[in-house]
ModelCIF file with pLDDT and N, C-alpha, C, O atoms, coordinates in Angstrom:
data_MODEL
#
_entry.id   MODEL 
#
_entity.id                         1 
_entity.type                       polymer 
_entity.pdbx_number_of_molecules   1 
#
_entity_poly.entity_id                      1 
_entity_poly.type                           'polypeptide(L)' 
_entity_poly.nstd_linkage                   no 
_entity_poly.nstd_monomer                   no 
_entity_poly.pdbx_seq_one_letter_code       WYRQAPGQQRELVASITAEGVTDVTDPVKGRFTISRDNLKKMVYLDMN 
_entity_poly.pdbx_seq_one_letter_code_can   WYRQAPGQQRELVASITAEGVTDVTDPVKGRFTISRDNLKKMVYLDMN 
_entity_poly.pdbx_strand_id                 A 
#
loop_
_entity_poly_seq.entity_id 
_entity_poly_seq.num 
_entity_poly_seq.mon_id 
_entity_poly_seq.hetero 
1 1  TRP n 
1 2  TYR n 
1 3  ARG n 
1 4  GLN n 
1 5  ALA n 
1 6  PRO n 
1 7  GLY n 
1 8  GLN n 
1 9  GLN n 
1 10 ARG n 
1 11 GLU n 
1 12 LEU n 
1 13 VAL n 
1 14 ALA n 
1 15 SER n 
1 16 ILE n 
1 17 THR n 
1 18 ALA n 
1 19 GLU n 
1 20 GLY n 
1 21 VAL n 
1 22 THR n 
1 23 ASP n 
1 24 VAL n 
1 25 THR n 
1 26 ASP n 
1 27 PRO n 
1 28 VAL n 
1 29 LYS n 
1 30 GLY n 
1 31 ARG n 
1 32 PHE n 
1 33 THR n 
1 34 ILE n 
1 35 SER n 
1 36 ARG n 
1 37 ASP n 
1 38 ASN n 
1 39 LEU n 
1 40 LYS n 
1 41 LYS n 
1 42 MET n 
1 43 VAL n 
1 44 TYR n 
1 45 LEU n 
1 46 ASP n 
1 47 MET n 
1 48 ASN n 
#
_struct_asym.id          A 
_struct_asym.entity_id   1 
#
loop_
_ma_qa_metric.id 
_ma_qa_metric.mode 
_ma_qa_metric.name 
_ma_qa_metric.software_group_id 
_ma_qa_metric.type 
1 global pLDDT . pLDDT 
2 local  pLDDT . pLDDT 
#
_ma_qa_metric_global.metric_id      1 
_ma_qa_metric_global.metric_value   97.46 
_ma_qa_metric_global.model_id       1 
_ma_qa_metric_global.ordinal_id     1 
#
loop_
_ma_qa_metric_local.label_asym_id 
_ma_qa_metric_local.label_comp_id 
_ma_qa_metric_local.label_seq_id 
_ma_qa_metric_local.metric_id 
_ma_qa_metric_local.metric_value 
_ma_qa_metric_local.model_id 
_ma_qa_metric_local.ordinal_id 
A TRP 1  2 98.00 1 1  
A TYR 2  2 98.00 1 2  
A ARG 3  2 98.00 1 3  
A GLN 4  2 98.00 1 4  
A ALA 5  2 97.00 1 5  
A PRO 6  2 92.00 1 6  
A GLY 7  2 95.00 1 7  
A GLN 8  2 96.00 1 8  
A GLN 9  2 96.00 1 9  
A ARG 10 2 96.00 1 10 
A GLU 11 2 97.00 1 11 
A LEU 12 2 98.00 1 12 
A VAL 13 2 98.00 1 13 
A ALA 14 2 98.00 1 14 
A SER 15 2 98.00 1 15 
A ILE 16 2 98.00 1 16 
A THR 17 2 98.00 1 17 
A ALA 18 2 97.00 1 18 
A GLU 19 2 97.00 1 19 
A GLY 20 2 97.00 1 20 
A VAL 21 2 98.00 1 21 
A THR 22 2 98.00 1 22 
A ASP 23 2 98.00 1 23 
A VAL 24 2 98.00 1 24 
A THR 25 2 98.00 1 25 
A ASP 26 2 98.00 1 26 
A PRO 27 2 97.00 1 27 
A VAL 28 2 98.00 1 28 
A LYS 29 2 98.00 1 29 
A GLY 30 2 98.00 1 30 
A ARG 31 2 98.00 1 31 
A PHE 32 2 98.00 1 32 
A THR 33 2 98.00 1 33 
A ILE 34 2 98.00 1 34 
A SER 35 2 98.00 1 35 
A ARG 36 2 98.00 1 36 
A ASP 37 2 98.00 1 37 
A ASN 38 2 97.00 1 38 
A LEU 39 2 96.00 1 39 
A LYS 40 2 97.00 1 40 
A LYS 41 2 97.00 1 41 
A MET 42 2 98.00 1 42 
A VAL 43 2 98.00 1 43 
A TYR 44 2 98.00 1 44 
A LEU 45 2 98.00 1 45 
A ASP 46 2 98.00 1 46 
A MET 47 2 98.00 1 47 
A ASN 48 2 98.00 1 48 
#
loop_
_atom_site.group_PDB 
_atom_site.id 
_atom_site.type_symbol 
_atom_site.label_atom_id 
_atom_site.label_alt_id 
_atom_site.label_comp_id 
_atom_site.label_asym_id 
_atom_site.label_entity_id 
_atom_site.label_seq_id 
_atom_site.pdbx_PDB_ins_code 
_atom_site.Cartn_x 
_atom_site.Cartn_y 
_atom_site.Cartn_z 
_atom_site.occupancy 
_atom_site.B_iso_or_equiv 
_atom_site.pdbx_formal_charge 
_atom_site.auth_seq_id 
_atom_site.auth_comp_id 
_atom_site.auth_asym_id 
_atom_site.auth_atom_id 
_atom_site.pdbx_PDB_model_num 
ATOM 1   N N  . TRP A 1 1  ? 0.865   -1.179  0.000  1.00 98.00 ? 1  TRP A N  1 
ATOM 2   C CA . TRP A 1 1  ? 0.000   0.000   0.000  1.00 98.00 ? 1  TRP A CA 1 
ATOM 3   C C  . TRP A 1 1  ? 0.905   1.234   0.000  1.00 98.00 ? 1  TRP A C  1 
ATOM 4   O O  . TRP A 1 1  ? 1.868   1.328   0.760  1.00 98.00 ? 1  TRP A O  1 
ATOM 5   N N  . TYR A 1 2  ? 0.562   2.162   -0.870 1.00 98.00 ? 2  TYR A N  1 
ATOM 6   C CA . TYR A 1 2  ? 1.291   3.401   -1.002 1.00 98.00 ? 2  TYR A CA 1 
ATOM 7   C C  . TYR A 1 2  ? 0.318   4.547   -0.756 1.00 98.00 ? 2  TYR A C  1 
ATOM 8   O O  . TYR A 1 2  ? -0.898  4.369   -0.829 1.00 98.00 ? 2  TYR A O  1 
ATOM 9   N N  . ARG A 1 3  ? 0.859   5.715   -0.466 1.00 98.00 ? 3  ARG A N  1 
ATOM 10  C CA . ARG A 1 3  ? -0.011  6.880   -0.340 1.00 98.00 ? 3  ARG A CA 1 
ATOM 11  C C  . ARG A 1 3  ? 0.695   8.120   -0.882 1.00 98.00 ? 3  ARG A C  1 
ATOM 12  O O  . ARG A 1 3  ? 1.922   8.220   -0.886 1.00 98.00 ? 3  ARG A O  1 
ATOM 13  N N  . GLN A 1 4  ? -0.119  9.044   -1.332 1.00 98.00 ? 4  GLN A N  1 
ATOM 14  C CA . GLN A 1 4  ? 0.404   10.306  -1.831 1.00 98.00 ? 4  GLN A CA 1 
ATOM 15  C C  . GLN A 1 4  ? -0.423  11.433  -1.257 1.00 98.00 ? 4  GLN A C  1 
ATOM 16  O O  . GLN A 1 4  ? -1.597  11.602  -1.586 1.00 98.00 ? 4  GLN A O  1 
ATOM 17  N N  . ALA A 1 5  ? 0.206   12.190  -0.401 1.00 97.00 ? 5  ALA A N  1 
ATOM 18  C CA . ALA A 1 5  ? -0.450  13.352  0.195  1.00 97.00 ? 5  ALA A CA 1 
ATOM 19  C C  . ALA A 1 5  ? -0.319  14.543  -0.754 1.00 97.00 ? 5  ALA A C  1 
ATOM 20  O O  . ALA A 1 5  ? 0.565   14.555  -1.610 1.00 97.00 ? 5  ALA A O  1 
ATOM 21  N N  . PRO A 1 6  ? -1.183  15.537  -0.611 1.00 92.00 ? 6  PRO A N  1 
ATOM 22  C CA . PRO A 1 6  ? -1.111  16.703  -1.493 1.00 92.00 ? 6  PRO A CA 1 
ATOM 23  C C  . PRO A 1 6  ? 0.274   17.350  -1.457 1.00 92.00 ? 6  PRO A C  1 
ATOM 24  O O  . PRO A 1 6  ? 0.797   17.664  -0.388 1.00 92.00 ? 6  PRO A O  1 
ATOM 25  N N  . GLY A 1 7  ? 0.852   17.541  -2.625 1.00 95.00 ? 7  GLY A N  1 
ATOM 26  C CA . GLY A 1 7  ? 2.153   18.173  -2.721 1.00 95.00 ? 7  GLY A CA 1 
ATOM 27  C C  . GLY A 1 7  ? 3.326   17.298  -2.350 1.00 95.00 ? 7  GLY A C  1 
ATOM 28  O O  . GLY A 1 7  ? 4.464   17.767  -2.311 1.00 95.00 ? 7  GLY A O  1 
ATOM 29  N N  . GLN A 1 8  ? 3.066   16.032  -2.077 1.00 96.00 ? 8  GLN A N  1 
ATOM 30  C CA . GLN A 1 8  ? 4.124   15.127  -1.651 1.00 96.00 ? 8  GLN A CA 1 
ATOM 31  C C  . GLN A 1 8  ? 4.321   14.013  -2.677 1.00 96.00 ? 8  GLN A C  1 
ATOM 32  O O  . GLN A 1 8  ? 3.464   13.772  -3.527 1.00 96.00 ? 8  GLN A O  1 
ATOM 33  N N  . GLN A 1 9  ? 5.456   13.347  -2.582 1.00 96.00 ? 9  GLN A N  1 
ATOM 34  C CA . GLN A 1 9  ? 5.694   12.189  -3.435 1.00 96.00 ? 9  GLN A CA 1 
ATOM 35  C C  . GLN A 1 9  ? 4.974   10.975  -2.877 1.00 96.00 ? 9  GLN A C  1 
ATOM 36  O O  . GLN A 1 9  ? 4.688   10.887  -1.683 1.00 96.00 ? 9  GLN A O  1 
ATOM 37  N N  . ARG A 1 10 ? 4.694   10.061  -3.758 1.00 96.00 ? 10 ARG A N  1 
ATOM 38  C CA . ARG A 1 10 ? 4.063   8.820   -3.336 1.00 96.00 ? 10 ARG A CA 1 
ATOM 39  C C  . ARG A 1 10 ? 5.063   8.016   -2.506 1.00 96.00 ? 10 ARG A C  1 
ATOM 40  O O  . ARG A 1 10 ? 6.248   7.956   -2.834 1.00 96.00 ? 10 ARG A O  1 
ATOM 41  N N  . GLU A 1 11 ? 4.574   7.399   -1.426 1.00 97.00 ? 11 GLU A N  1 
ATOM 42  C CA . GLU A 1 11 ? 5.445   6.628   -0.544 1.00 97.00 ? 11 GLU A CA 1 
ATOM 43  C C  . GLU A 1 11 ? 4.797   5.308   -0.178 1.00 97.00 ? 11 GLU A C  1 
ATOM 44  O O  . GLU A 1 11 ? 3.575   5.192   -0.085 1.00 97.00 ? 11 GLU A O  1 
ATOM 45  N N  . LEU A 1 12 ? 5.645   4.323   0.027  1.00 98.00 ? 12 LEU A N  1 
ATOM 46  C CA . LEU A 1 12 ? 5.188   3.012   0.477  1.00 98.00 ? 12 LEU A CA 1 
ATOM 47  C C  . LEU A 1 12 ? 4.931   3.077   1.982  1.00 98.00 ? 12 LEU A C  1 
ATOM 48  O O  . LEU A 1 12 ? 5.764   3.590   2.730  1.00 98.00 ? 12 LEU A O  1 
ATOM 49  N N  . VAL A 1 13 ? 3.787   2.562   2.431  1.00 98.00 ? 13 VAL A N  1 
ATOM 50  C CA . VAL A 1 13 ? 3.495   2.561   3.861  1.00 98.00 ? 13 VAL A CA 1 
ATOM 51  C C  . VAL A 1 13 ? 3.428   1.160   4.454  1.00 98.00 ? 13 VAL A C  1 
ATOM 52  O O  . VAL A 1 13 ? 3.651   0.984   5.652  1.00 98.00 ? 13 VAL A O  1 
ATOM 53  N N  . ALA A 1 14 ? 3.122   0.157   3.626  1.00 98.00 ? 14 ALA A N  1 
ATOM 54  C CA . ALA A 1 14 ? 3.016   -1.197  4.152  1.00 98.00 ? 14 ALA A CA 1 
ATOM 55  C C  . ALA A 1 14 ? 3.219   -2.186  3.017  1.00 98.00 ? 14 ALA A C  1 
ATOM 56  O O  . ALA A 1 14 ? 2.875   -1.902  1.869  1.00 98.00 ? 14 ALA A O  1 
ATOM 57  N N  . SER A 1 15 ? 3.774   -3.338  3.335  1.00 98.00 ? 15 SER A N  1 
ATOM 58  C CA . SER A 1 15 ? 3.984   -4.365  2.323  1.00 98.00 ? 15 SER A CA 1 
ATOM 59  C C  . SER A 1 15 ? 3.780   -5.745  2.933  1.00 98.00 ? 15 SER A C  1 
ATOM 60  O O  . SER A 1 15 ? 3.894   -5.938  4.143  1.00 98.00 ? 15 SER A O  1 
ATOM 61  N N  . ILE A 1 16 ? 3.475   -6.697  2.059  1.00 98.00 ? 16 ILE A N  1 
ATOM 62  C CA . ILE A 1 16 ? 3.281   -8.080  2.499  1.00 98.00 ? 16 ILE A CA 1 
ATOM 63  C C  . ILE A 1 16 ? 3.849   -8.989  1.419  1.00 98.00 ? 16 ILE A C  1 
ATOM 64  O O  . ILE A 1 16 ? 3.540   -8.838  0.237  1.00 98.00 ? 16 ILE A O  1 
ATOM 65  N N  . THR A 1 17 ? 4.674   -9.926  1.837  1.00 98.00 ? 17 THR A N  1 
ATOM 66  C CA . THR A 1 17 ? 5.300   -10.818 0.873  1.00 98.00 ? 17 THR A CA 1 
ATOM 67  C C  . THR A 1 17 ? 4.348   -11.937 0.480  1.00 98.00 ? 17 THR A C  1 
ATOM 68  O O  . THR A 1 17 ? 3.258   -12.072 1.037  1.00 98.00 ? 17 THR A O  1 
ATOM 69  N N  . ALA A 1 18 ? 4.780   -12.738 -0.492 1.00 97.00 ? 18 ALA A N  1 
ATOM 70  C CA . ALA A 1 18 ? 3.983   -13.889 -0.917 1.00 97.00 ? 18 ALA A CA 1 
ATOM 71  C C  . ALA A 1 18 ? 3.809   -14.882 0.230  1.00 97.00 ? 18 ALA A C  1 
ATOM 72  O O  . ALA A 1 18 ? 2.824   -15.618 0.270  1.00 97.00 ? 18 ALA A O  1 
ATOM 73  N N  . GLU A 1 19 ? 4.761   -14.903 1.160  1.00 97.00 ? 19 GLU A N  1 
ATOM 74  C CA . GLU A 1 19 ? 4.698   -15.801 2.310  1.00 97.00 ? 19 GLU A CA 1 
ATOM 75  C C  . GLU A 1 19 ? 3.914   -15.216 3.478  1.00 97.00 ? 19 GLU A C  1 
ATOM 76  O O  . GLU A 1 19 ? 3.713   -15.874 4.499  1.00 97.00 ? 19 GLU A O  1 
ATOM 77  N N  . GLY A 1 20 ? 3.467   -13.948 3.311  1.00 97.00 ? 20 GLY A N  1 
ATOM 78  C CA . GLY A 1 20 ? 2.668   -13.335 4.363  1.00 97.00 ? 20 GLY A CA 1 
ATOM 79  C C  . GLY A 1 20 ? 3.451   -12.526 5.386  1.00 97.00 ? 20 GLY A C  1 
ATOM 80  O O  . GLY A 1 20 ? 2.905   -12.115 6.409  1.00 97.00 ? 20 GLY A O  1 
ATOM 81  N N  . VAL A 1 21 ? 4.723   -12.300 5.110  1.00 98.00 ? 21 VAL A N  1 
ATOM 82  C CA . VAL A 1 21 ? 5.527   -11.485 6.025  1.00 98.00 ? 21 VAL A CA 1 
ATOM 83  C C  . VAL A 1 21 ? 5.211   -10.014 5.762  1.00 98.00 ? 21 VAL A C  1 
ATOM 84  O O  . VAL A 1 21 ? 5.255   -9.554  4.620  1.00 98.00 ? 21 VAL A O  1 
ATOM 85  N N  . THR A 1 22 ? 4.897   -9.293  6.814  1.00 98.00 ? 22 THR A N  1 
ATOM 86  C CA . THR A 1 22 ? 4.471   -7.903  6.661  1.00 98.00 ? 22 THR A CA 1 
ATOM 87  C C  . THR A 1 22 ? 5.517   -6.933  7.185  1.00 98.00 ? 22 THR A C  1 
ATOM 88  O O  . THR A 1 22 ? 6.368   -7.270  8.009  1.00 98.00 ? 22 THR A O  1 
ATOM 89  N N  . ASP A 1 23 ? 5.417   -5.725  6.675  1.00 98.00 ? 23 ASP A N  1 
ATOM 90  C CA . ASP A 1 23 ? 6.290   -4.646  7.130  1.00 98.00 ? 23 ASP A CA 1 
ATOM 91  C C  . ASP A 1 23 ? 5.539   -3.340  6.946  1.00 98.00 ? 23 ASP A C  1 
ATOM 92  O O  . ASP A 1 23 ? 4.814   -3.159  5.969  1.00 98.00 ? 23 ASP A O  1 
ATOM 93  N N  . VAL A 1 24 ? 5.720   -2.435  7.893  1.00 98.00 ? 24 VAL A N  1 
ATOM 94  C CA . VAL A 1 24 ? 5.110   -1.122  7.790  1.00 98.00 ? 24 VAL A CA 1 
ATOM 95  C C  . VAL A 1 24 ? 6.173   -0.075  8.104  1.00 98.00 ? 24 VAL A C  1 
ATOM 96  O O  . VAL A 1 24 ? 7.149   -0.350  8.802  1.00 98.00 ? 24 VAL A O  1 
ATOM 97  N N  . THR A 1 25 ? 5.969   1.107   7.588  1.00 98.00 ? 25 THR A N  1 
ATOM 98  C CA . THR A 1 25 ? 6.931   2.171   7.832  1.00 98.00 ? 25 THR A CA 1 
ATOM 99  C C  . THR A 1 25 ? 6.694   2.800   9.199  1.00 98.00 ? 25 THR A C  1 
ATOM 100 O O  . THR A 1 25 ? 5.628   2.645   9.794  1.00 98.00 ? 25 THR A O  1 
ATOM 101 N N  . ASP A 1 26 ? 7.690   3.501   9.675  1.00 98.00 ? 26 ASP A N  1 
ATOM 102 C CA . ASP A 1 26 ? 7.616   4.048   11.024 1.00 98.00 ? 26 ASP A CA 1 
ATOM 103 C C  . ASP A 1 26 ? 6.405   4.952   11.281 1.00 98.00 ? 26 ASP A C  1 
ATOM 104 O O  . ASP A 1 26 ? 5.809   4.862   12.354 1.00 98.00 ? 26 ASP A O  1 
ATOM 105 N N  . PRO A 1 27 ? 6.019   5.823   10.332 1.00 97.00 ? 27 PRO A N  1 
ATOM 106 C CA . PRO A 1 27 ? 4.885   6.722   10.619 1.00 97.00 ? 27 PRO A CA 1 
ATOM 107 C C  . PRO A 1 27 ? 3.566   5.999   10.915 1.00 97.00 ? 27 PRO A C  1 
ATOM 108 O O  . PRO A 1 27 ? 2.680   6.571   11.552 1.00 97.00 ? 27 PRO A O  1 
ATOM 109 N N  . VAL A 1 28 ? 3.430   4.771   10.468 1.00 98.00 ? 28 VAL A N  1 
ATOM 110 C CA . VAL A 1 28 ? 2.169   4.053   10.662 1.00 98.00 ? 28 VAL A CA 1 
ATOM 111 C C  . VAL A 1 28 ? 2.331   2.822   11.532 1.00 98.00 ? 28 VAL A C  1 
ATOM 112 O O  . VAL A 1 28 ? 1.372   2.082   11.748 1.00 98.00 ? 28 VAL A O  1 
ATOM 113 N N  . LYS A 1 29 ? 3.521   2.601   12.026 1.00 98.00 ? 29 LYS A N  1 
ATOM 114 C CA . LYS A 1 29 ? 3.783   1.409   12.836 1.00 98.00 ? 29 LYS A CA 1 
ATOM 115 C C  . LYS A 1 29 ? 2.906   1.402   14.076 1.00 98.00 ? 29 LYS A C  1 
ATOM 116 O O  . LYS A 1 29 ? 2.774   2.409   14.773 1.00 98.00 ? 29 LYS A O  1 
ATOM 117 N N  . GLY A 1 30 ? 2.310   0.247   14.337 1.00 98.00 ? 30 GLY A N  1 
ATOM 118 C CA . GLY A 1 30 ? 1.423   0.116   15.483 1.00 98.00 ? 30 GLY A CA 1 
ATOM 119 C C  . GLY A 1 30 ? 0.007   0.586   15.218 1.00 98.00 ? 30 GLY A C  1 
ATOM 120 O O  . GLY A 1 30 ? -0.871  0.419   16.064 1.00 98.00 ? 30 GLY A O  1 
ATOM 121 N N  . ARG A 1 31 ? -0.226  1.179   14.044 1.00 98.00 ? 31 ARG A N  1 
ATOM 122 C CA . ARG A 1 31 ? -1.564  1.686   13.713 1.00 98.00 ? 31 ARG A CA 1 
ATOM 123 C C  . ARG A 1 31 ? -2.152  1.032   12.464 1.00 98.00 ? 31 ARG A C  1 
ATOM 124 O O  . ARG A 1 31 ? -3.356  0.782   12.407 1.00 98.00 ? 31 ARG A O  1 
ATOM 125 N N  . PHE A 1 32 ? -1.327  0.757   11.477 1.00 98.00 ? 32 PHE A N  1 
ATOM 126 C CA . PHE A 1 32 ? -1.782  0.169   10.210 1.00 98.00 ? 32 PHE A CA 1 
ATOM 127 C C  . PHE A 1 32 ? -1.369  -1.296  10.138 1.00 98.00 ? 32 PHE A C  1 
ATOM 128 O O  . PHE A 1 32 ? -0.295  -1.677  10.603 1.00 98.00 ? 32 PHE A O  1 
ATOM 129 N N  . THR A 1 33 ? -2.243  -2.111  9.547  1.00 98.00 ? 33 THR A N  1 
ATOM 130 C CA . THR A 1 33 ? -1.952  -3.525  9.334  1.00 98.00 ? 33 THR A CA 1 
ATOM 131 C C  . THR A 1 33 ? -2.316  -3.896  7.908  1.00 98.00 ? 33 THR A C  1 
ATOM 132 O O  . THR A 1 33 ? -3.408  -3.580  7.435  1.00 98.00 ? 33 THR A O  1 
ATOM 133 N N  . ILE A 1 34 ? -1.405  -4.564  7.231  1.00 98.00 ? 34 ILE A N  1 
ATOM 134 C CA . ILE A 1 34 ? -1.668  -5.038  5.873  1.00 98.00 ? 34 ILE A CA 1 
ATOM 135 C C  . ILE A 1 34 ? -1.931  -6.536  5.913  1.00 98.00 ? 34 ILE A C  1 
ATOM 136 O O  . ILE A 1 34 ? -1.330  -7.266  6.700  1.00 98.00 ? 34 ILE A O  1 
ATOM 137 N N  . SER A 1 35 ? -2.839  -6.979  5.053  1.00 98.00 ? 35 SER A N  1 
ATOM 138 C CA . SER A 1 35 ? -3.132  -8.409  4.965  1.00 98.00 ? 35 SER A CA 1 
ATOM 139 C C  . SER A 1 35 ? -3.528  -8.735  3.531  1.00 98.00 ? 35 SER A C  1 
ATOM 140 O O  . SER A 1 35 ? -3.742  -7.843  2.710  1.00 98.00 ? 35 SER A O  1 
ATOM 141 N N  . ARG A 1 36 ? -3.619  -10.025 3.251  1.00 98.00 ? 36 ARG A N  1 
ATOM 142 C CA . ARG A 1 36 ? -3.958  -10.451 1.895  1.00 98.00 ? 36 ARG A CA 1 
ATOM 143 C C  . ARG A 1 36 ? -4.851  -11.679 1.939  1.00 98.00 ? 36 ARG A C  1 
ATOM 144 O O  . ARG A 1 36 ? -4.827  -12.452 2.896  1.00 98.00 ? 36 ARG A O  1 
ATOM 145 N N  . ASP A 1 37 ? -5.637  -11.842 0.886  1.00 98.00 ? 37 ASP A N  1 
ATOM 146 C CA . ASP A 1 37 ? -6.476  -13.026 0.711  1.00 98.00 ? 37 ASP A CA 1 
ATOM 147 C C  . ASP A 1 37 ? -6.161  -13.570 -0.680 1.00 98.00 ? 37 ASP A C  1 
ATOM 148 O O  . ASP A 1 37 ? -6.616  -13.029 -1.687 1.00 98.00 ? 37 ASP A O  1 
ATOM 149 N N  . ASN A 1 38 ? -5.385  -14.637 -0.722 1.00 97.00 ? 38 ASN A N  1 
ATOM 150 C CA . ASN A 1 38 ? -4.944  -15.156 -2.021 1.00 97.00 ? 38 ASN A CA 1 
ATOM 151 C C  . ASN A 1 38 ? -6.091  -15.739 -2.842 1.00 97.00 ? 38 ASN A C  1 
ATOM 152 O O  . ASN A 1 38 ? -6.049  -15.709 -4.072 1.00 97.00 ? 38 ASN A O  1 
ATOM 153 N N  . LEU A 1 39 ? -7.100  -16.259 -2.182 1.00 96.00 ? 39 LEU A N  1 
ATOM 154 C CA . LEU A 1 39 ? -8.230  -16.837 -2.929 1.00 96.00 ? 39 LEU A CA 1 
ATOM 155 C C  . LEU A 1 39 ? -9.039  -15.744 -3.604 1.00 96.00 ? 39 LEU A C  1 
ATOM 156 O O  . LEU A 1 39 ? -9.483  -15.902 -4.741 1.00 96.00 ? 39 LEU A O  1 
ATOM 157 N N  . LYS A 1 40 ? -9.228  -14.646 -2.909 1.00 97.00 ? 40 LYS A N  1 
ATOM 158 C CA . LYS A 1 40 ? -10.015 -13.544 -3.467 1.00 97.00 ? 40 LYS A CA 1 
ATOM 159 C C  . LYS A 1 40 ? -9.159  -12.555 -4.253 1.00 97.00 ? 40 LYS A C  1 
ATOM 160 O O  . LYS A 1 40 ? -9.683  -11.655 -4.908 1.00 97.00 ? 40 LYS A O  1 
ATOM 161 N N  . LYS A 1 41 ? -7.848  -12.727 -4.184 1.00 97.00 ? 41 LYS A N  1 
ATOM 162 C CA . LYS A 1 41 ? -6.924  -11.790 -4.844 1.00 97.00 ? 41 LYS A CA 1 
ATOM 163 C C  . LYS A 1 41 ? -7.151  -10.362 -4.341 1.00 97.00 ? 41 LYS A C  1 
ATOM 164 O O  . LYS A 1 41 ? -7.302  -9.417  -5.116 1.00 97.00 ? 41 LYS A O  1 
ATOM 165 N N  . MET A 1 42 ? -7.168  -10.250 -3.035 1.00 98.00 ? 42 MET A N  1 
ATOM 166 C CA . MET A 1 42 ? -7.413  -8.967  -2.392 1.00 98.00 ? 42 MET A CA 1 
ATOM 167 C C  . MET A 1 42 ? -6.263  -8.635  -1.437 1.00 98.00 ? 42 MET A C  1 
ATOM 168 O O  . MET A 1 42 ? -5.656  -9.517  -0.829 1.00 98.00 ? 42 MET A O  1 
ATOM 169 N N  . VAL A 1 43 ? -5.990  -7.349  -1.331 1.00 98.00 ? 43 VAL A N  1 
ATOM 170 C CA . VAL A 1 43 ? -5.038  -6.836  -0.358 1.00 98.00 ? 43 VAL A CA 1 
ATOM 171 C C  . VAL A 1 43 ? -5.788  -5.813  0.492  1.00 98.00 ? 43 VAL A C  1 
ATOM 172 O O  . VAL A 1 43 ? -6.568  -5.015  -0.029 1.00 98.00 ? 43 VAL A O  1 
ATOM 173 N N  . TYR A 1 44 ? -5.549  -5.842  1.798  1.00 98.00 ? 44 TYR A N  1 
ATOM 174 C CA . TYR A 1 44 ? -6.270  -4.962  2.712  1.00 98.00 ? 44 TYR A CA 1 
ATOM 175 C C  . TYR A 1 44 ? -5.294  -4.104  3.517  1.00 98.00 ? 44 TYR A C  1 
ATOM 176 O O  . TYR A 1 44 ? -4.155  -4.493  3.774  1.00 98.00 ? 44 TYR A O  1 
ATOM 177 N N  . LEU A 1 45 ? -5.772  -2.944  3.898  1.00 98.00 ? 45 LEU A N  1 
ATOM 178 C CA . LEU A 1 45 ? -5.029  -2.095  4.817  1.00 98.00 ? 45 LEU A CA 1 
ATOM 179 C C  . LEU A 1 45 ? -5.989  -1.645  5.908  1.00 98.00 ? 45 LEU A C  1 
ATOM 180 O O  . LEU A 1 45 ? -6.919  -0.880  5.653  1.00 98.00 ? 45 LEU A O  1 
ATOM 181 N N  . ASP A 1 46 ? -5.760  -2.119  7.112  1.00 98.00 ? 46 ASP A N  1 
ATOM 182 C CA . ASP A 1 46 ? -6.546  -1.694  8.256  1.00 98.00 ? 46 ASP A CA 1 
ATOM 183 C C  . ASP A 1 46 ? -5.853  -0.517  8.922  1.00 98.00 ? 46 ASP A C  1 
ATOM 184 O O  . ASP A 1 46 ? -4.726  -0.621  9.406  1.00 98.00 ? 46 ASP A O  1 
ATOM 185 N N  . MET A 1 47 ? -6.549  0.587   8.932  1.00 98.00 ? 47 MET A N  1 
ATOM 186 C CA . MET A 1 47 ? -6.022  1.823   9.504  1.00 98.00 ? 47 MET A CA 1 
ATOM 187 C C  . MET A 1 47 ? -6.703  2.076   10.840 1.00 98.00 ? 47 MET A C  1 
ATOM 188 O O  . MET A 1 47 ? -7.927  2.194   10.897 1.00 98.00 ? 47 MET A O  1 
ATOM 189 N N  . ASN A 1 48 ? -5.937  2.159   11.900 1.00 98.00 ? 48 ASN A N  1 
ATOM 190 C CA . ASN A 1 48 ? -6.464  2.457   13.227 1.00 98.00 ? 48 ASN A CA 1 
ATOM 191 C C  . ASN A 1 48 ? -5.761  3.694   13.781 1.00 98.00 ? 48 ASN A C  1 
ATOM 192 O O  . ASN A 1 48 ? -6.054  4.124   14.896 1.00 98.00 ? 48 ASN A O  1 
#
C-alpha cells in the first residue's frame, strides 16, 4: 500500500510478501496492518 499526500511524493506505507511477512513504515507502525487473501486476490489495509 502506497499513499500520496497533497504536494508530496508517493510513498510506500506497508507491504506483504507472498509468504505473508508484513512490514510497515515508522509513521504508521502500530496503527496500520496489511493483509492479503490469495483466494479472493485482495489486499487490505486496516487503519487504526
